[in-house]
Amino acid sequence: TWQQWQEATGDNEVGRVYFGVEAGGNWEGTNILHCAKEIEVLAKERNMPPEDVVAQMAGVKKKLIKKRSQRPRPVTDDKCILSWNALMNLALTKASQVLDSADLLRQAEQHLIWMQTSFGPDAAAMKRVWKAGMARISANLDDYAFLAQAMLQYGVTAGVNEWILEAGKVCESVQNKFGEKGLAYLYFSERDQQGIPVRKVELMDGVQPSGNAVMAGLFINLGMVLEHAEWIARGEEMIAKMARETCLQPLGFGRWGVLMQRNVAGPKTVVISGRDALANWKEMRGGCAPHVVVLKAENADENLPLTAGKGSGADSLIFVCTTEGCMPPVVSQKDAFRLL
């Protein structure tokens, strides 16, 4: 109200005009504070330097905050959700690659470690919600799927194969907890979760992709990297079963549509070895993303199945692999891109 404004600010004229405060109120007898006039316009009208207006407004806002602090704070939803954090981690990793930012990549790594520690270090027993140092509520399919995607994305972008292996562990847990024999799709809730009368299967992509769509892509990509033929087969089956619905309602199944296009083109994985592996990996990684997984195998003892035995003392060897196997290696990036 006008009286409350005067009590809080001493009826500062500059602040009143800036926030659009009126004696009779600007909405149903009360005042809703908003930017009614820009700083530059206000300064020109009052023949004041813009810096003086900014200084006065800083004082007014300080008084308003002090007054607001006397009110009971509204209830805030400050819990952390695993799936949303995993999506944010994906954004950090992708941004680090596009912007070539080592700082963003470092933040993504720290965030991944925090998620793994806070929501449950055991990939078979992750929790969905974290608040005030405590994790609770069993994680659902989206939580596991987005976390595995974040682990794979970071591992490929940073060249840290341990995170790719962690993503594989999460996918193994997903199959055990959310899958059922004879069903290609995955349930939203885990098999042993209590208090759920009916387990449902979520397939439609909304403001975030469905857990099933994300897992279908992961089954193919991780199936190739970890050489799990049954994962590849499951991912392809999921995509094939969704083909009709995706074509009929492409806006509701966007992630499935992307997977269909990639599957038609043929998923690819690139393994780069040799003395120039690091340099070639950095260059090809940017040119292939996000449709191709690019791995480096600088040493012969790399622990990913797809890279095993591909270490080389030569300057460069580039293997382009499909779901069926790897083609004979080439030496130049140009030849490799031609195979892609």
Protein backbone atom coordinates (compact mmCIF):
# COMPACT_ATOMS: atom_id res chain seq x y z
CA THR A 1 0.00 0.00 0.00
CA TRP A 2 0.97 3.65 -0.25
CA GLN A 3 1.36 3.85 3.52
CA GLN A 4 3.64 0.79 3.60
CA TRP A 5 5.75 2.30 0.82
CA GLN A 6 6.21 5.53 2.76
CA GLU A 7 7.10 3.66 5.95
CA ALA A 8 9.65 1.49 4.15
CA THR A 9 11.37 4.07 1.94
CA GLY A 10 10.51 7.49 3.34
CA ASP A 11 8.66 8.17 0.06
CA ASN A 12 11.78 8.31 -2.10
CA GLU A 13 10.62 10.08 -5.27
CA VAL A 14 13.09 8.43 -7.64
CA GLY A 15 12.23 5.00 -6.31
CA ARG A 16 8.51 5.75 -6.49
CA VAL A 17 8.68 6.67 -10.17
CA TYR A 18 11.01 3.78 -11.01
CA PHE A 19 8.72 1.19 -9.39
CA GLY A 20 5.48 2.83 -10.59
CA VAL A 21 4.12 3.39 -7.06
CA GLU A 22 0.98 5.57 -6.84
CA ALA A 23 -0.94 6.99 -3.87
CA GLY A 24 -4.12 5.28 -5.06
CA GLY A 25 -2.29 2.10 -6.03
CA ASN A 26 -1.44 0.78 -9.50
CA TRP A 27 -3.54 -2.37 -9.13
CA GLU A 28 -6.81 -2.71 -7.20
CA GLY A 29 -5.82 -0.15 -4.54
CA THR A 30 -2.36 -1.62 -3.90
CA ASN A 31 0.98 -1.27 -5.64
CA ILE A 32 2.77 -4.02 -7.52
CA LEU A 33 6.41 -3.01 -7.79
CA HIS A 34 7.77 -3.24 -11.33
CA CYS A 35 10.20 -1.40 -13.56
CA ALA A 36 7.86 1.36 -14.74
CA LYS A 37 10.62 3.57 -16.12
CA GLU A 38 14.17 2.75 -17.21
CA ILE A 39 17.15 4.28 -15.37
CA GLU A 40 18.27 6.28 -18.42
CA VAL A 41 14.81 7.75 -19.03
CA LEU A 42 14.38 8.63 -15.36
CA ALA A 43 17.78 10.33 -15.24
CA LYS A 44 17.05 12.38 -18.35
CA GLU A 45 13.63 13.49 -17.07
CA ARG A 46 15.08 14.66 -13.75
CA ASN A 47 18.28 16.05 -15.22
CA MET A 48 20.37 13.71 -13.07
CA PRO A 49 23.47 11.66 -13.91
CA PRO A 50 22.45 7.98 -14.37
CA GLU A 51 24.98 7.03 -11.68
CA ASP A 52 23.07 9.12 -9.11
CA VAL A 53 19.83 7.37 -10.01
CA VAL A 54 21.51 3.98 -9.67
CA ALA A 55 22.91 4.99 -6.26
CA GLN A 56 19.50 6.15 -5.03
CA MET A 57 17.84 2.96 -6.28
CA ALA A 58 20.44 0.87 -4.44
CA GLY A 59 19.46 2.60 -1.22
CA VAL A 60 15.73 2.12 -1.87
CA LYS A 61 16.17 -1.59 -2.64
CA LYS A 62 18.21 -2.05 0.53
CA LYS A 63 15.36 -0.56 2.59
CA LEU A 64 12.78 -2.74 0.80
CA ILE A 65 14.79 -5.89 1.44
CA LYS A 66 15.09 -4.96 5.12
CA LYS A 67 11.32 -4.51 5.30
CA ARG A 68 10.67 -7.77 3.47
CA SER A 69 12.96 -9.68 5.83
CA GLN A 70 10.49 -8.92 8.66
CA ARG A 71 7.79 -11.01 6.95
CA PRO A 72 7.49 -14.79 7.34
CA ARG A 73 9.41 -16.40 4.49
CA PRO A 74 7.29 -18.39 2.01
CA VAL A 75 7.80 -22.13 1.96
CA THR A 76 10.50 -22.94 -0.61
CA ASP A 77 11.09 -26.15 -2.52
CA ASP A 78 14.85 -26.52 -2.10
CA LYS A 79 15.28 -30.24 -2.62
CA CYS A 80 17.66 -31.58 -5.28
CA ILE A 81 16.37 -34.14 -7.80
CA LEU A 82 18.76 -36.59 -9.42
CA SER A 83 17.29 -36.54 -12.94
CA TRP A 84 17.25 -32.73 -13.14
CA ASN A 85 20.82 -32.53 -11.86
CA ALA A 86 21.90 -35.09 -14.44
CA LEU A 87 20.30 -33.01 -17.21
CA MET A 88 22.18 -29.95 -15.93
CA ASN A 89 25.39 -31.97 -15.97
CA LEU A 90 24.76 -32.88 -19.61
CA ALA A 91 24.36 -29.18 -20.38
CA LEU A 92 27.65 -28.36 -18.66
CA THR A 93 29.53 -31.03 -20.58
CA LYS A 94 28.05 -30.10 -23.95
CA ALA A 95 28.67 -26.40 -23.33
CA SER A 96 32.29 -27.13 -22.39
CA GLN A 97 32.78 -28.84 -25.74
CA VAL A 98 31.06 -26.20 -27.85
CA LEU A 99 32.79 -23.31 -26.05
CA ASP A 100 36.07 -25.19 -25.54
CA SER A 101 35.86 -24.35 -21.84
CA ALA A 102 38.06 -26.30 -19.44
CA ASP A 103 36.32 -24.56 -16.52
CA LEU A 104 32.86 -25.85 -17.53
CA LEU A 105 34.27 -29.34 -17.98
CA ARG A 106 35.82 -29.16 -14.51
CA GLN A 107 32.46 -28.08 -13.08
CA ALA A 108 30.80 -31.04 -14.82
CA GLU A 109 33.30 -33.44 -13.26
CA GLN A 110 32.85 -32.00 -9.75
CA HIS A 111 29.08 -32.13 -10.18
CA LEU A 112 29.19 -35.75 -11.34
CA ILE A 113 31.23 -36.72 -8.30
CA TRP A 114 28.78 -34.88 -6.04
CA MET A 115 25.79 -36.67 -7.61
CA GLN A 116 27.40 -40.06 -7.28
CA THR A 117 28.29 -39.37 -3.65
CA SER A 118 25.06 -37.67 -2.57
CA PHE A 119 22.40 -39.75 -4.30
CA GLY A 120 24.08 -43.06 -3.54
CA PRO A 121 27.53 -44.40 -4.44
CA ASP A 122 25.97 -47.79 -5.27
CA ALA A 123 24.67 -47.83 -8.87
CA ALA A 124 22.15 -50.48 -7.82
CA ALA A 125 20.53 -48.38 -5.09
CA MET A 126 20.36 -44.75 -6.17
CA LYS A 127 18.00 -42.27 -4.52
CA ARG A 128 15.85 -39.65 -6.24
CA VAL A 129 15.80 -36.72 -3.78
CA TRP A 130 18.58 -35.08 -1.76
CA LYS A 131 18.17 -32.36 0.86
CA ALA A 132 20.26 -31.19 3.80
CA GLY A 133 22.75 -34.02 3.45
CA MET A 134 20.15 -36.80 3.26
CA ALA A 135 19.06 -38.81 0.22
CA ARG A 136 15.67 -40.52 0.16
CA ILE A 137 13.02 -42.07 -2.13
CA SER A 138 14.08 -44.74 -4.59
CA ALA A 139 15.29 -43.36 -7.92
CA ASN A 140 13.06 -43.93 -10.96
CA LEU A 141 13.93 -44.74 -14.55
CA ASP A 142 14.50 -41.10 -15.54
CA ASP A 143 16.99 -40.65 -12.69
CA TYR A 144 19.06 -43.66 -13.72
CA ALA A 145 18.81 -42.97 -17.46
CA PHE A 146 19.84 -39.30 -17.29
CA LEU A 147 22.67 -40.10 -14.87
CA ALA A 148 24.06 -42.80 -17.16
CA GLN A 149 23.80 -40.40 -20.12
CA ALA A 150 25.68 -37.72 -18.15
CA MET A 151 28.41 -40.21 -17.22
CA LEU A 152 28.83 -41.34 -20.82
CA GLN A 153 28.82 -37.80 -22.17
CA TYR A 154 31.42 -36.63 -19.68
CA GLY A 155 33.60 -39.71 -20.16
CA VAL A 156 33.67 -39.24 -23.92
CA THR A 157 34.16 -35.46 -23.77
CA ALA A 158 36.92 -35.55 -21.14
CA GLY A 159 38.50 -38.79 -22.34
CA VAL A 160 38.07 -40.41 -18.92
CA ASN A 161 37.06 -43.99 -19.64
CA GLU A 162 36.29 -44.77 -16.00
CA TRP A 163 33.10 -42.72 -16.28
CA ILE A 164 32.03 -44.73 -19.32
CA LEU A 165 32.43 -47.89 -17.27
CA GLU A 166 30.36 -46.30 -14.49
CA ALA A 167 27.64 -45.57 -17.05
CA GLY A 168 27.73 -49.26 -17.95
CA LYS A 169 27.15 -50.21 -14.31
CA VAL A 170 24.14 -47.91 -14.14
CA CYS A 171 22.70 -49.48 -17.32
CA GLU A 172 23.16 -52.94 -15.82
CA SER A 173 21.19 -51.81 -12.77
CA VAL A 174 18.45 -50.39 -15.00
CA GLN A 175 17.97 -53.73 -16.72
CA ASN A 176 17.74 -55.54 -13.38
CA LYS A 177 15.48 -53.05 -11.61
CA PHE A 178 13.18 -51.73 -14.34
CA GLY A 179 13.07 -54.48 -16.96
CA GLU A 180 10.81 -57.51 -17.23
CA LYS A 181 11.35 -60.66 -19.25
CA GLY A 182 9.59 -60.47 -22.60
CA LEU A 183 9.08 -56.69 -22.45
CA ALA A 184 11.32 -54.46 -24.58
CA TYR A 185 10.43 -51.29 -22.71
CA LEU A 186 11.34 -50.39 -19.13
CA TYR A 187 9.00 -49.56 -16.27
CA PHE A 188 9.14 -46.09 -14.69
CA SER A 189 9.39 -47.47 -11.14
CA GLU A 190 11.69 -50.22 -9.93
CA ARG A 191 10.50 -53.76 -9.35
CA ASP A 192 10.79 -53.75 -5.56
CA GLN A 193 9.43 -50.25 -4.84
CA GLN A 194 6.61 -50.32 -2.30
CA GLY A 195 3.33 -48.41 -2.29
CA ILE A 196 2.79 -48.34 -6.07
CA PRO A 197 -0.42 -50.15 -7.12
CA VAL A 198 0.38 -50.13 -10.85
CA ARG A 199 3.76 -49.88 -12.57
CA LYS A 200 3.59 -47.79 -15.73
CA VAL A 201 5.72 -47.48 -18.85
CA GLU A 202 6.50 -43.90 -19.91
CA LEU A 203 7.27 -43.49 -23.62
CA MET A 204 6.26 -39.95 -24.60
CA ASP A 205 8.86 -37.19 -24.66
CA GLY A 206 7.69 -34.09 -22.81
CA VAL A 207 9.70 -31.14 -21.54
CA GLN A 208 12.40 -33.74 -20.96
CA PRO A 209 12.99 -36.93 -22.98
CA SER A 210 11.42 -40.13 -21.73
CA GLY A 211 13.62 -42.49 -19.76
CA ASN A 212 12.91 -45.25 -22.27
CA ALA A 213 14.11 -43.12 -25.20
CA VAL A 214 17.32 -42.19 -23.38
CA MET A 215 17.93 -45.82 -22.43
CA ALA A 216 17.36 -47.02 -26.01
CA GLY A 217 20.18 -44.76 -27.18
CA LEU A 218 22.39 -45.77 -24.26
CA PHE A 219 21.84 -49.47 -24.91
CA ILE A 220 23.16 -49.01 -28.45
CA ASN A 221 26.08 -46.68 -27.63
CA LEU A 222 27.24 -48.49 -24.52
CA GLY A 223 26.50 -51.85 -26.13
CA MET A 224 29.02 -50.99 -28.83
CA VAL A 225 31.65 -49.60 -26.44
CA LEU A 226 31.32 -52.41 -23.89
CA GLU A 227 30.62 -55.08 -26.53
CA HIS A 228 27.23 -56.15 -25.15
CA ALA A 229 25.39 -57.45 -28.20
CA GLU A 230 22.22 -58.02 -26.17
CA TRP A 231 22.12 -54.33 -25.23
CA ILE A 232 22.39 -53.30 -28.86
CA ALA A 233 19.60 -55.70 -29.80
CA ARG A 234 17.37 -54.32 -27.03
CA GLY A 235 17.95 -50.72 -28.05
CA GLU A 236 17.17 -51.50 -31.68
CA GLU A 237 14.02 -53.37 -30.68
CA MET A 238 12.80 -50.44 -28.57
CA ILE A 239 13.34 -48.00 -31.45
CA ALA A 240 11.65 -50.31 -33.97
CA LYS A 241 8.58 -50.71 -31.76
CA MET A 242 8.25 -46.94 -31.46
CA ALA A 243 8.55 -46.24 -35.22
CA ARG A 244 4.82 -46.06 -35.98
CA GLU A 245 3.90 -43.82 -33.03
CA THR A 246 6.87 -41.55 -33.72
CA CYS A 247 5.87 -41.07 -37.35
CA LEU A 248 2.24 -40.36 -36.37
CA GLN A 249 3.09 -37.95 -33.54
CA PRO A 250 6.63 -36.65 -34.10
CA LEU A 251 6.19 -33.69 -31.72
CA GLY A 252 5.40 -36.03 -28.84
CA PHE A 253 8.24 -38.44 -29.56
CA GLY A 254 11.10 -36.14 -30.55
CA ARG A 255 13.89 -38.10 -28.90
CA TRP A 256 12.64 -41.32 -30.50
CA GLY A 257 12.69 -39.55 -33.88
CA VAL A 258 16.33 -38.60 -33.43
CA LEU A 259 17.17 -42.19 -32.50
CA MET A 260 15.35 -43.49 -35.59
CA GLN A 261 17.37 -41.20 -37.84
CA ARG A 262 20.64 -42.23 -36.21
CA ASN A 263 19.71 -45.89 -36.49
CA VAL A 264 18.91 -45.57 -40.19
CA ALA A 265 22.28 -43.90 -40.78
CA GLY A 266 23.95 -46.59 -38.68
CA PRO A 267 25.41 -45.87 -35.22
CA LYS A 268 29.17 -45.48 -35.25
CA THR A 269 31.97 -45.51 -32.71
CA VAL A 270 35.50 -44.27 -33.39
CA VAL A 271 38.61 -45.57 -31.62
CA ILE A 272 41.82 -43.57 -32.10
CA SER A 273 45.21 -45.00 -31.14
CA GLY A 274 48.88 -44.30 -31.75
CA ARG A 275 51.27 -41.53 -30.81
CA ASP A 276 48.95 -38.86 -32.24
CA ALA A 277 45.87 -40.29 -30.53
CA LEU A 278 45.30 -37.34 -28.21
CA ALA A 279 45.54 -34.68 -30.94
CA ASN A 280 43.35 -36.64 -33.37
CA TRP A 281 40.84 -37.43 -30.63
CA LYS A 282 40.45 -33.75 -29.72
CA GLU A 283 39.87 -32.77 -33.36
CA MET A 284 37.51 -35.61 -34.31
CA ARG A 285 35.52 -35.39 -31.07
CA GLY A 286 34.17 -31.98 -32.03
CA GLY A 287 33.42 -32.95 -35.61
CA CYS A 288 31.49 -36.09 -34.69
CA ALA A 289 29.43 -35.03 -31.69
CA PRO A 290 26.73 -35.82 -30.76
CA HIS A 291 26.06 -38.69 -33.16
CA VAL A 292 29.29 -40.64 -32.78
CA VAL A 293 31.13 -41.85 -29.69
CA VAL A 294 34.85 -41.05 -30.08
CA LEU A 295 37.33 -42.91 -27.87
CA LYS A 296 41.10 -42.76 -27.57
CA ALA A 297 43.35 -45.75 -26.88
CA GLU A 298 46.81 -44.32 -26.33
CA ASN A 299 47.96 -47.51 -24.62
CA ALA A 300 47.31 -51.16 -25.37
CA ASP A 301 45.96 -51.79 -21.88
CA GLU A 302 42.86 -49.57 -22.11
CA ASN A 303 40.11 -51.19 -20.07
CA LEU A 304 37.17 -50.62 -22.41
CA PRO A 305 36.40 -53.79 -24.42
CA LEU A 306 36.10 -51.91 -27.73
CA THR A 307 39.56 -50.34 -27.33
CA ALA A 308 41.29 -53.55 -26.17
CA GLY A 309 44.04 -54.62 -28.54
CA LYS A 310 43.86 -51.43 -30.58
CA GLY A 311 46.86 -49.68 -29.01
CA SER A 312 49.52 -48.84 -31.56
CA GLY A 313 53.05 -47.52 -31.66
CA ALA A 314 52.36 -45.97 -35.06
CA ASP A 315 51.69 -42.26 -35.50
CA SER A 316 47.97 -42.79 -35.88
CA LEU A 317 45.38 -45.50 -36.38
CA ILE A 318 41.68 -44.70 -36.54
CA PHE A 319 39.10 -47.49 -36.23
CA VAL A 320 35.51 -46.81 -37.30
CA CYS A 321 33.17 -49.35 -35.73
CA THR A 322 29.53 -50.23 -36.31
CA THR A 323 27.16 -52.42 -34.33
CA GLU A 324 28.55 -55.39 -36.28
CA GLY A 325 32.26 -54.74 -35.69
CA CYS A 326 35.19 -52.50 -36.58
CA MET A 327 36.35 -51.73 -40.11
CA PRO A 328 40.06 -51.94 -41.04
CA PRO A 329 41.88 -48.94 -39.53
CA VAL A 330 42.72 -45.83 -41.52
CA VAL A 331 45.48 -43.32 -40.91
CA SER A 332 43.95 -39.93 -41.74
CA GLN A 333 40.96 -38.13 -40.26
CA LYS A 334 39.71 -37.46 -43.79
CA ASP A 335 39.45 -41.18 -44.50
CA ALA A 336 37.78 -41.77 -41.13
CA PHE A 337 35.13 -39.09 -41.73
CA ARG A 338 34.44 -40.65 -45.11
CA LEU A 339 33.60 -43.94 -43.36
CA LEU A 340 31.24 -42.13 -40.99
